[in-house]
Amino acid sequence: MNRPESNEYADYYATYVSMVPEGNMMDILQMQREDLLKRLNNLSEEQANFRYGPEKWSIKEVIGHLADTERYMAYRLFCIARGEKANLPGHNEEDFVKEAMFDTYSLSTLLEDYVSVRNTTLQLLKNLRNDVWTNWGNANGFPVTVRALAFIVAGHELHHLKILTERYFQNEDFPV
């Protein structure tokens, strides 16, 4: 699959799309799943509850946010792949994270949810016909293609893994 053109997604997502390496999207998403699990599976609950600053998400909230956002983007991808022409709604990530109360869940539960969502996304992508990858739809008032949504999913995770590495794991206050 070719990288989407810049007109296939809202400008907001350009950073995410640009972070995705060249290669097979299925392989990229599978490798991301394994990488995330390697990085996070052995964290203690204390580490998983770490916030690098006041009002910043905990690592648990970041994991929950990754799963929720992928779930949301995969829904958009599904609808547009199936020919939906209606404007698909946006969402407020801050409200979603607050309402979900991810800190009340165990790390293992959040990682299981993430893996389940990623596996479902992979299954959806695996079964798409070649001709629907360039289907156009509208999400939150912006035109978007199916392939752009797949790149957004991958890039969104890369963005947050970078933040986890730089602002959480390398923070001098991160619990050892």
C-alpha atoms as a PDB file:
ATOM      1  CA  MET A   1       0.000   0.000   0.000  1.00  0.00           C
ATOM      2  CA  ASN A   2       1.283   3.425  -0.897  1.00  0.00           C
ATOM      3  CA  ARG A   3       1.664   6.196   1.647  1.00  0.00           C
ATOM      4  CA  PRO A   4      -1.386   8.484   1.557  1.00  0.00           C
ATOM      5  CA  GLU A   5      -1.124  11.883  -0.082  1.00  0.00           C
ATOM      6  CA  SER A   6      -1.342  14.904   2.219  1.00  0.00           C
ATOM      7  CA  ASN A   7      -4.864  15.715   0.963  1.00  0.00           C
ATOM      8  CA  GLU A   8      -6.157  12.339   2.202  1.00  0.00           C
ATOM      9  CA  TYR A   9      -6.302  13.406   5.864  1.00  0.00           C
ATOM     10  CA  ALA A  10      -6.657  16.496   8.035  1.00  0.00           C
ATOM     11  CA  ASP A  11      -3.469  18.509   8.599  1.00  0.00           C
ATOM     12  CA  TYR A  12      -3.660  17.554  12.286  1.00  0.00           C
ATOM     13  CA  TYR A  13      -2.627  13.988  11.384  1.00  0.00           C
ATOM     14  CA  ALA A  14       0.404  14.892   9.237  1.00  0.00           C
ATOM     15  CA  THR A  15       2.842  14.257  12.097  1.00  0.00           C
ATOM     16  CA  TYR A  16       1.404  10.791  12.700  1.00  0.00           C
ATOM     17  CA  VAL A  17       1.456   9.806   9.028  1.00  0.00           C
ATOM     18  CA  SER A  18       5.033  11.066   8.616  1.00  0.00           C
ATOM     19  CA  MET A  19       6.234   8.892  11.522  1.00  0.00           C
ATOM     20  CA  VAL A  20       5.180   5.628   9.860  1.00  0.00           C
ATOM     21  CA  PRO A  21       8.148   3.865   8.236  1.00  0.00           C
ATOM     22  CA  GLU A  22       8.075   2.434   4.765  1.00  0.00           C
ATOM     23  CA  GLY A  23       6.895  -1.149   4.615  1.00  0.00           C
ATOM     24  CA  ASN A  24       3.889  -3.419   4.724  1.00  0.00           C
ATOM     25  CA  MET A  25       1.166  -1.934   6.948  1.00  0.00           C
ATOM     26  CA  MET A  26       0.194  -5.326   8.371  1.00  0.00           C
ATOM     27  CA  ASP A  27       3.813  -6.003   9.353  1.00  0.00           C
ATOM     28  CA  ILE A  28       4.184  -2.544  10.857  1.00  0.00           C
ATOM     29  CA  LEU A  29       1.059  -2.926  12.996  1.00  0.00           C
ATOM     30  CA  GLN A  30       2.072  -6.423  14.126  1.00  0.00           C
ATOM     31  CA  MET A  31       5.579  -5.249  15.053  1.00  0.00           C
ATOM     32  CA  GLN A  32       4.112  -2.307  16.952  1.00  0.00           C
ATOM     33  CA  ARG A  33       1.949  -4.673  18.987  1.00  0.00           C
ATOM     34  CA  GLU A  34       4.981  -6.774  19.941  1.00  0.00           C
ATOM     35  CA  ASP A  35       7.118  -3.700  20.678  1.00  0.00           C
ATOM     36  CA  LEU A  36       4.491  -2.121  22.913  1.00  0.00           C
ATOM     37  CA  LEU A  37       4.050  -5.343  24.865  1.00  0.00           C
ATOM     38  CA  LYS A  38       7.828  -5.704  25.324  1.00  0.00           C
ATOM     39  CA  ARG A  39       8.076  -2.169  26.640  1.00  0.00           C
ATOM     40  CA  LEU A  40       5.058  -2.219  28.943  1.00  0.00           C
ATOM     41  CA  ASN A  41       4.304  -5.796  29.963  1.00  0.00           C
ATOM     42  CA  ASN A  42       6.796  -5.868  32.839  1.00  0.00           C
ATOM     43  CA  LEU A  43       5.955  -2.512  34.387  1.00  0.00           C
ATOM     44  CA  SER A  44       4.877  -2.541  38.008  1.00  0.00           C
ATOM     45  CA  GLU A  45       1.513  -1.039  38.910  1.00  0.00           C
ATOM     46  CA  GLU A  46       3.396   1.872  40.496  1.00  0.00           C
ATOM     47  CA  GLN A  47       5.226   2.494  37.227  1.00  0.00           C
ATOM     48  CA  ALA A  48       2.013   2.114  35.203  1.00  0.00           C
ATOM     49  CA  ASN A  49       0.369   4.783  37.372  1.00  0.00           C
ATOM     50  CA  PHE A  50       3.267   7.240  36.849  1.00  0.00           C
ATOM     51  CA  ARG A  51       2.516  10.718  35.495  1.00  0.00           C
ATOM     52  CA  TYR A  52       5.378  12.929  34.368  1.00  0.00           C
ATOM     53  CA  GLY A  53       3.556  16.062  35.476  1.00  0.00           C
ATOM     54  CA  PRO A  54       0.376  17.379  37.045  1.00  0.00           C
ATOM     55  CA  GLU A  55      -2.672  16.905  34.821  1.00  0.00           C
ATOM     56  CA  LYS A  56      -0.713  14.565  32.527  1.00  0.00           C
ATOM     57  CA  TRP A  57      -1.994  11.091  31.775  1.00  0.00           C
ATOM     58  CA  SER A  58      -0.647   8.081  33.589  1.00  0.00           C
ATOM     59  CA  ILE A  59       0.925   5.298  31.549  1.00  0.00           C
ATOM     60  CA  LYS A  60      -2.305   3.339  32.111  1.00  0.00           C
ATOM     61  CA  GLU A  61      -4.274   6.214  30.638  1.00  0.00           C
ATOM     62  CA  VAL A  62      -1.948   6.350  27.637  1.00  0.00           C
ATOM     63  CA  ILE A  63      -2.504   2.618  27.013  1.00  0.00           C
ATOM     64  CA  GLY A  64      -6.255   3.038  27.342  1.00  0.00           C
ATOM     65  CA  HIS A  65      -6.136   6.054  25.038  1.00  0.00           C
ATOM     66  CA  LEU A  66      -4.202   4.058  22.417  1.00  0.00           C
ATOM     67  CA  ALA A  67      -6.823   1.301  22.459  1.00  0.00           C
ATOM     68  CA  ASP A  68      -9.767   3.718  22.415  1.00  0.00           C
ATOM     69  CA  THR A  69      -8.348   5.835  19.599  1.00  0.00           C
ATOM     70  CA  GLU A  70      -7.526   2.791  17.507  1.00  0.00           C
ATOM     71  CA  ARG A  71     -11.029   1.445  18.132  1.00  0.00           C
ATOM     72  CA  TYR A  72     -12.453   4.775  16.982  1.00  0.00           C
ATOM     73  CA  MET A  73     -10.220   5.075  13.919  1.00  0.00           C
ATOM     74  CA  ALA A  74     -10.866   1.452  12.943  1.00  0.00           C
ATOM     75  CA  TYR A  75     -14.602   2.164  13.125  1.00  0.00           C
ATOM     76  CA  ARG A  76     -14.135   5.087  10.763  1.00  0.00           C
ATOM     77  CA  LEU A  77     -11.955   2.928   8.508  1.00  0.00           C
ATOM     78  CA  PHE A  78     -14.605   0.179   8.501  1.00  0.00           C
ATOM     79  CA  CYS A  79     -17.420   2.592   7.659  1.00  0.00           C
ATOM     80  CA  ILE A  80     -15.544   4.284   4.835  1.00  0.00           C
ATOM     81  CA  ALA A  81     -14.339   0.954   3.430  1.00  0.00           C
ATOM     82  CA  ARG A  82     -17.978  -0.127   3.298  1.00  0.00           C
ATOM     83  CA  GLY A  83     -18.994   3.009   1.412  1.00  0.00           C
ATOM     84  CA  GLU A  84     -20.390   5.209   4.183  1.00  0.00           C
ATOM     85  CA  LYS A  85     -20.858   8.764   2.937  1.00  0.00           C
ATOM     86  CA  ALA A  86     -22.247  10.382   6.103  1.00  0.00           C
ATOM     87  CA  ASN A  87     -19.960  12.596   8.188  1.00  0.00           C
ATOM     88  CA  LEU A  88     -18.563  10.402  10.961  1.00  0.00           C
ATOM     89  CA  PRO A  89     -18.355  12.150  14.336  1.00  0.00           C
ATOM     90  CA  GLY A  90     -15.252  13.284  16.135  1.00  0.00           C
ATOM     91  CA  HIS A  91     -14.471  12.687  19.786  1.00  0.00           C
ATOM     92  CA  ASN A  92     -12.800  14.456  22.666  1.00  0.00           C
ATOM     93  CA  GLU A  93      -9.867  12.333  23.820  1.00  0.00           C
ATOM     94  CA  GLU A  94      -9.640  14.119  27.175  1.00  0.00           C
ATOM     95  CA  ASP A  95     -13.284  13.352  27.947  1.00  0.00           C
ATOM     96  CA  PHE A  96     -12.895   9.739  26.815  1.00  0.00           C
ATOM     97  CA  VAL A  97      -9.868   9.178  29.060  1.00  0.00           C
ATOM     98  CA  LYS A  98     -11.544  10.856  32.031  1.00  0.00           C
ATOM     99  CA  GLU A  99     -14.765   8.873  31.619  1.00  0.00           C
ATOM    100  CA  ALA A 100     -12.972   5.552  31.134  1.00  0.00           C
ATOM    101  CA  MET A 101     -11.155   5.767  34.494  1.00  0.00           C
ATOM    102  CA  PHE A 102      -8.247   3.679  33.139  1.00  0.00           C
ATOM    103  CA  ASP A 103      -6.307   4.039  36.394  1.00  0.00           C
ATOM    104  CA  THR A 104      -8.840   1.782  38.099  1.00  0.00           C
ATOM    105  CA  TYR A 105      -7.872  -1.116  35.786  1.00  0.00           C
ATOM    106  CA  SER A 106      -4.874  -3.366  36.138  1.00  0.00           C
ATOM    107  CA  LEU A 107      -2.053  -2.974  33.664  1.00  0.00           C
ATOM    108  CA  SER A 108      -2.650  -6.501  32.394  1.00  0.00           C
ATOM    109  CA  THR A 109      -6.321  -5.743  31.690  1.00  0.00           C
ATOM    110  CA  LEU A 110      -5.415  -2.622  29.716  1.00  0.00           C
ATOM    111  CA  LEU A 111      -2.778  -4.483  27.705  1.00  0.00           C
ATOM    112  CA  GLU A 112      -5.248  -7.300  26.972  1.00  0.00           C
ATOM    113  CA  ASP A 113      -7.703  -4.705  25.671  1.00  0.00           C
ATOM    114  CA  TYR A 114      -5.015  -3.075  23.540  1.00  0.00           C
ATOM    115  CA  VAL A 115      -4.030  -6.460  22.044  1.00  0.00           C
ATOM    116  CA  SER A 116      -7.664  -7.310  21.359  1.00  0.00           C
ATOM    117  CA  VAL A 117      -8.241  -4.007  19.567  1.00  0.00           C
ATOM    118  CA  ARG A 118      -5.025  -4.330  17.556  1.00  0.00           C
ATOM    119  CA  ASN A 119      -5.877  -7.899  16.545  1.00  0.00           C
ATOM    120  CA  THR A 120      -9.330  -6.769  15.438  1.00  0.00           C
ATOM    121  CA  THR A 121      -7.792  -3.939  13.398  1.00  0.00           C
ATOM    122  CA  LEU A 122      -5.384  -6.362  11.762  1.00  0.00           C
ATOM    123  CA  GLN A 123      -8.219  -8.741  10.902  1.00  0.00           C
ATOM    124  CA  LEU A 124     -10.253  -5.884   9.413  1.00  0.00           C
ATOM    125  CA  LEU A 125      -7.327  -4.709   7.277  1.00  0.00           C
ATOM    126  CA  LYS A 126      -6.458  -8.242   6.183  1.00  0.00           C
ATOM    127  CA  ASN A 127      -9.905  -8.691   4.688  1.00  0.00           C
ATOM    128  CA  LEU A 128     -10.183  -5.391   2.824  1.00  0.00           C
ATOM    129  CA  ARG A 129     -10.372  -5.531  -0.948  1.00  0.00           C
ATOM    130  CA  ASN A 130      -7.536  -3.721  -2.700  1.00  0.00           C
ATOM    131  CA  ASP A 131      -9.899  -1.219  -4.297  1.00  0.00           C
ATOM    132  CA  VAL A 132     -11.321   0.144  -1.020  1.00  0.00           C
ATOM    133  CA  TRP A 133      -7.997   1.442   0.377  1.00  0.00           C
ATOM    134  CA  THR A 134      -8.536   4.649  -1.597  1.00  0.00           C
ATOM    135  CA  ASN A 135     -12.210   5.072  -0.643  1.00  0.00           C
ATOM    136  CA  TRP A 136     -12.978   8.580   0.561  1.00  0.00           C
ATOM    137  CA  GLY A 137     -15.146   9.451   3.516  1.00  0.00           C
ATOM    138  CA  ASN A 138     -15.634  12.265   5.971  1.00  0.00           C
ATOM    139  CA  ALA A 139     -14.603  12.135   9.619  1.00  0.00           C
ATOM    140  CA  ASN A 140     -15.157  15.030  11.992  1.00  0.00           C
ATOM    141  CA  GLY A 141     -15.752  17.345   9.027  1.00  0.00           C
ATOM    142  CA  PHE A 142     -12.572  16.422   7.130  1.00  0.00           C
ATOM    143  CA  PRO A 143     -12.094  14.216   4.077  1.00  0.00           C
ATOM    144  CA  VAL A 144     -10.092  11.046   4.741  1.00  0.00           C
ATOM    145  CA  THR A 145      -9.250   7.810   2.966  1.00  0.00           C
ATOM    146  CA  VAL A 146      -9.136   4.270   4.285  1.00  0.00           C
ATOM    147  CA  ARG A 147      -5.375   4.037   3.788  1.00  0.00           C
ATOM    148  CA  ALA A 148      -4.853   7.347   5.590  1.00  0.00           C
ATOM    149  CA  LEU A 149      -6.750   5.985   8.587  1.00  0.00           C
ATOM    150  CA  ALA A 150      -4.497   2.915   8.687  1.00  0.00           C
ATOM    151  CA  PHE A 151      -1.442   5.203   8.665  1.00  0.00           C
ATOM    152  CA  ILE A 152      -3.006   7.397  11.361  1.00  0.00           C
ATOM    153  CA  VAL A 153      -3.489   4.351  13.614  1.00  0.00           C
ATOM    154  CA  ALA A 154       0.160   3.348  13.203  1.00  0.00           C
ATOM    155  CA  GLY A 155       1.499   6.893  13.531  1.00  0.00           C
ATOM    156  CA  HIS A 156      -0.631   7.691  16.571  1.00  0.00           C
ATOM    157  CA  GLU A 157       0.920   4.772  18.419  1.00  0.00           C
ATOM    158  CA  LEU A 158       4.440   5.786  17.361  1.00  0.00           C
ATOM    159  CA  HIS A 159       3.753   9.305  18.607  1.00  0.00           C
ATOM    160  CA  HIS A 160       2.704   8.063  22.033  1.00  0.00           C
ATOM    161  CA  LEU A 161       5.556   5.550  22.306  1.00  0.00           C
ATOM    162  CA  LYS A 162       7.950   8.430  21.689  1.00  0.00           C
ATOM    163  CA  ILE A 163       6.288  10.415  24.473  1.00  0.00           C
ATOM    164  CA  LEU A 164       6.387   7.401  26.799  1.00  0.00           C
ATOM    165  CA  THR A 165      10.109   6.990  26.153  1.00  0.00           C
ATOM    166  CA  GLU A 166      11.093  10.648  26.428  1.00  0.00           C
ATOM    167  CA  ARG A 167       8.746  11.979  29.110  1.00  0.00           C
ATOM    168  CA  TYR A 168       7.977   8.925  31.232  1.00  0.00           C
ATOM    169  CA  PHE A 169      10.738   6.307  31.121  1.00  0.00           C
ATOM    170  CA  GLN A 170      13.567   8.866  30.972  1.00  0.00           C
ATOM    171  CA  ASN A 171      12.042  11.063  33.689  1.00  0.00           C
ATOM    172  CA  GLU A 172      14.205  11.298  36.801  1.00  0.00           C
ATOM    173  CA  ASP A 173      11.127  10.664  38.964  1.00  0.00           C
ATOM    174  CA  PHE A 174      10.092   7.478  37.134  1.00  0.00           C
ATOM    175  CA  PRO A 175       9.857   4.690  39.752  1.00  0.00           C
ATOM    176  CA  VAL A 176      12.616   2.101  39.448  1.00  0.00           C
END
